[in-house]
C-alpha atoms as a PDB file:
ATOM      1  CA  UNK A   1     -46.863 -13.158 -50.203  1.00  0.00           C
ATOM      2  CA  UNK A   2     -45.462 -12.001 -47.130  1.00  0.00           C
ATOM      3  CA  UNK A   3     -42.867 -14.251 -46.971  1.00  0.00           C
ATOM      4  CA  UNK A   4     -42.227 -12.768 -50.286  1.00  0.00           C
ATOM      5  CA  UNK A   5     -42.010  -9.450 -49.600  1.00  0.00           C
ATOM      6  CA  UNK A   6     -39.505 -10.815 -46.603  1.00  0.00           C
ATOM      7  CA  UNK A   7     -37.432 -12.043 -49.186  1.00  0.00           C
ATOM      8  CA  UNK A   8     -37.257  -9.643 -51.016  1.00  0.00           C
ATOM      9  CA  UNK A   9     -35.520  -6.636 -48.172  1.00  0.00           C
ATOM     10  CA  UNK A  10     -33.567  -9.281 -46.975  1.00  0.00           C
ATOM     11  CA  UNK A  11     -31.804 -10.169 -50.236  1.00  0.00           C
ATOM     12  CA  UNK A  12     -32.436  -6.220 -50.859  1.00  0.00           C
ATOM     13  CA  UNK A  13     -30.127  -6.031 -47.691  1.00  0.00           C
ATOM     14  CA  UNK A  14     -27.647  -8.143 -48.299  1.00  0.00           C
ATOM     15  CA  UNK A  15     -26.996  -6.321 -51.538  1.00  0.00           C
ATOM     16  CA  UNK A  16     -26.703  -2.624 -49.449  1.00  0.00           C
ATOM     17  CA  UNK A  17     -24.391  -5.094 -46.350  1.00  0.00           C
ATOM     18  CA  UNK A  18     -22.240  -6.511 -49.294  1.00  0.00           C
ATOM     19  CA  UNK A  19     -21.973  -3.458 -51.568  1.00  0.00           C
ATOM     20  CA  UNK A  20     -21.485  -0.649 -49.051  1.00  0.00           C
ATOM     21  CA  UNK A  21     -18.417   1.514 -49.079  1.00  0.00           C
ATOM     22  CA  UNK A  22     -15.955   1.581 -46.042  1.00  0.00           C
ATOM     23  CA  UNK A  23     -16.578   3.934 -43.297  1.00  0.00           C
ATOM     24  CA  UNK A  24     -14.122   6.591 -42.608  1.00  0.00           C
ATOM     25  CA  UNK A  25     -13.466   8.220 -39.596  1.00  0.00           C
ATOM     26  CA  UNK A  26     -15.027  12.470 -39.625  1.00  0.00           C
ATOM     27  CA  UNK A  27     -11.308  14.540 -39.102  1.00  0.00           C
ATOM     28  CA  UNK A  28     -12.810  14.933 -34.862  1.00  0.00           C
ATOM     29  CA  UNK A  29     -12.988  11.514 -35.046  1.00  0.00           C
ATOM     30  CA  UNK A  30      -9.852  10.635 -36.656  1.00  0.00           C
ATOM     31  CA  UNK A  31      -7.251  12.213 -34.723  1.00  0.00           C
ATOM     32  CA  UNK A  32      -7.055  15.771 -36.668  1.00  0.00           C
ATOM     33  CA  UNK A  33      -7.853  18.679 -34.158  1.00  0.00           C
ATOM     34  CA  UNK A  34      -6.488  21.295 -36.103  1.00  0.00           C
ATOM     35  CA  UNK A  35      -9.585  20.874 -38.776  1.00  0.00           C
ATOM     36  CA  UNK A  36     -12.387  23.731 -39.306  1.00  0.00           C
ATOM     37  CA  UNK A  37     -15.107  20.703 -37.695  1.00  0.00           C
ATOM     38  CA  UNK A  38     -13.376  19.657 -34.646  1.00  0.00           C
ATOM     39  CA  UNK A  39     -12.915  23.976 -34.387  1.00  0.00           C
ATOM     40  CA  UNK A  40     -15.991  24.213 -34.417  1.00  0.00           C
ATOM     41  CA  UNK A  41     -17.363  20.898 -32.005  1.00  0.00           C
ATOM     42  CA  UNK A  42     -14.985  22.320 -29.692  1.00  0.00           C
ATOM     43  CA  UNK A  43     -16.495  26.374 -29.769  1.00  0.00           C
ATOM     44  CA  UNK A  44     -20.049  23.759 -29.597  1.00  0.00           C
ATOM     45  CA  UNK A  45     -19.648  21.854 -26.312  1.00  0.00           C
ATOM     46  CA  UNK A  46     -18.491  24.924 -24.434  1.00  0.00           C
ATOM     47  CA  UNK A  47     -21.568  27.280 -25.176  1.00  0.00           C
ATOM     48  CA  UNK A  48     -23.881  24.364 -24.124  1.00  0.00           C
ATOM     49  CA  UNK A  49     -21.429  23.844 -21.081  1.00  0.00           C
ATOM     50  CA  UNK A  50     -21.494  27.912 -20.534  1.00  0.00           C
ATOM     51  CA  UNK A  51     -25.397  27.356 -21.305  1.00  0.00           C
ATOM     52  CA  UNK A  52     -25.413  24.302 -18.695  1.00  0.00           C
ATOM     53  CA  UNK A  53     -23.386  26.697 -16.327  1.00  0.00           C
ATOM     54  CA  UNK A  54     -25.730  29.452 -16.501  1.00  0.00           C
ATOM     55  CA  UNK A  55     -28.827  27.320 -15.279  1.00  0.00           C
ATOM     56  CA  UNK A  56     -27.190  25.926 -12.726  1.00  0.00           C
ATOM     57  CA  UNK A  57     -25.955  29.341 -11.462  1.00  0.00           C
ATOM     58  CA  UNK A  58     -29.410  30.546 -11.534  1.00  0.00           C
ATOM     59  CA  UNK A  59     -30.982  28.270  -9.439  1.00  0.00           C
ATOM     60  CA  UNK A  60     -28.521  28.181  -6.761  1.00  0.00           C
ATOM     61  CA  UNK A  61     -29.019  31.900  -6.771  1.00  0.00           C
ATOM     62  CA  UNK A  62     -32.421  31.247  -6.124  1.00  0.00           C
ATOM     63  CA  UNK A  63     -32.062  28.984  -3.396  1.00  0.00           C
ATOM     64  CA  UNK A  64     -29.604  31.624  -2.122  1.00  0.00           C
ATOM     65  CA  UNK A  65     -32.344  33.378  -2.241  1.00  0.00           C
ATOM     66  CA  UNK A  66     -34.404  31.754  -0.468  1.00  0.00           C
ATOM     67  CA  UNK A  67     -32.246  31.034   2.362  1.00  0.00           C
ATOM     68  CA  UNK A  68     -31.482  34.901   2.788  1.00  0.00           C
ATOM     69  CA  UNK A  69     -35.340  35.543   2.999  1.00  0.00           C
ATOM     70  CA  UNK A  70     -36.600  32.693   5.116  1.00  0.00           C
ATOM     71  CA  UNK A  71     -33.918  34.292   7.644  1.00  0.00           C
ATOM     72  CA  UNK A  72     -34.418  37.922   7.384  1.00  0.00           C
ATOM     73  CA  UNK A  73     -37.984  37.380   7.380  1.00  0.00           C
ATOM     74  CA  UNK A  74     -39.172  34.397   9.798  1.00  0.00           C
ATOM     75  CA  UNK A  75     -42.576  32.781   9.647  1.00  0.00           C
ATOM     76  CA  UNK A  76     -44.037  32.738  13.391  1.00  0.00           C
ATOM     77  CA  UNK A  77     -44.759  29.693  14.706  1.00  0.00           C
ATOM     78  CA  UNK A  78     -48.669  28.484  14.655  1.00  0.00           C
ATOM     79  CA  UNK A  79     -49.172  29.259  18.248  1.00  0.00           C
ATOM     80  CA  UNK A  80     -48.230  32.857  18.680  1.00  0.00           C
ATOM     81  CA  UNK A  81     -50.532  32.217  15.539  1.00  0.00           C
ATOM     82  CA  UNK A  82     -53.973  31.151  17.036  1.00  0.00           C
ATOM     83  CA  UNK A  83     -52.661  33.681  20.440  1.00  0.00           C
ATOM     84  CA  UNK A  84     -52.570  36.801  18.765  1.00  0.00           C
ATOM     85  CA  UNK A  85     -56.078  35.879  16.971  1.00  0.00           C
ATOM     86  CA  UNK A  86     -57.689  35.258  20.374  1.00  0.00           C
ATOM     87  CA  UNK A  87     -56.188  38.110  22.373  1.00  0.00           C
ATOM     88  CA  UNK A  88     -57.300  40.635  18.714  1.00  0.00           C
ATOM     89  CA  UNK A  89     -60.938  38.714  19.921  1.00  0.00           C
ATOM     90  CA  UNK A  90     -61.606  39.222  23.479  1.00  0.00           C
END
């Protein structure tokens, strides 16, 4: 039964492949760069580039903020912290 099913699937696949018409490229792939499809694809590419650029600028801005904050608010060294605790307890 399983062999019959696989043979039927193979025959169906071969029939579909033989009877398929030639594939045609879309206007953007075929080279008609002035079509509406190509303009829409270009707009989508630029929109995605804008999103990626804004995310990258946000990440860079966050690290710039962290570096500036670290420069203006330095953390005390551990030895300084321990000595200040020891003098306050005495």
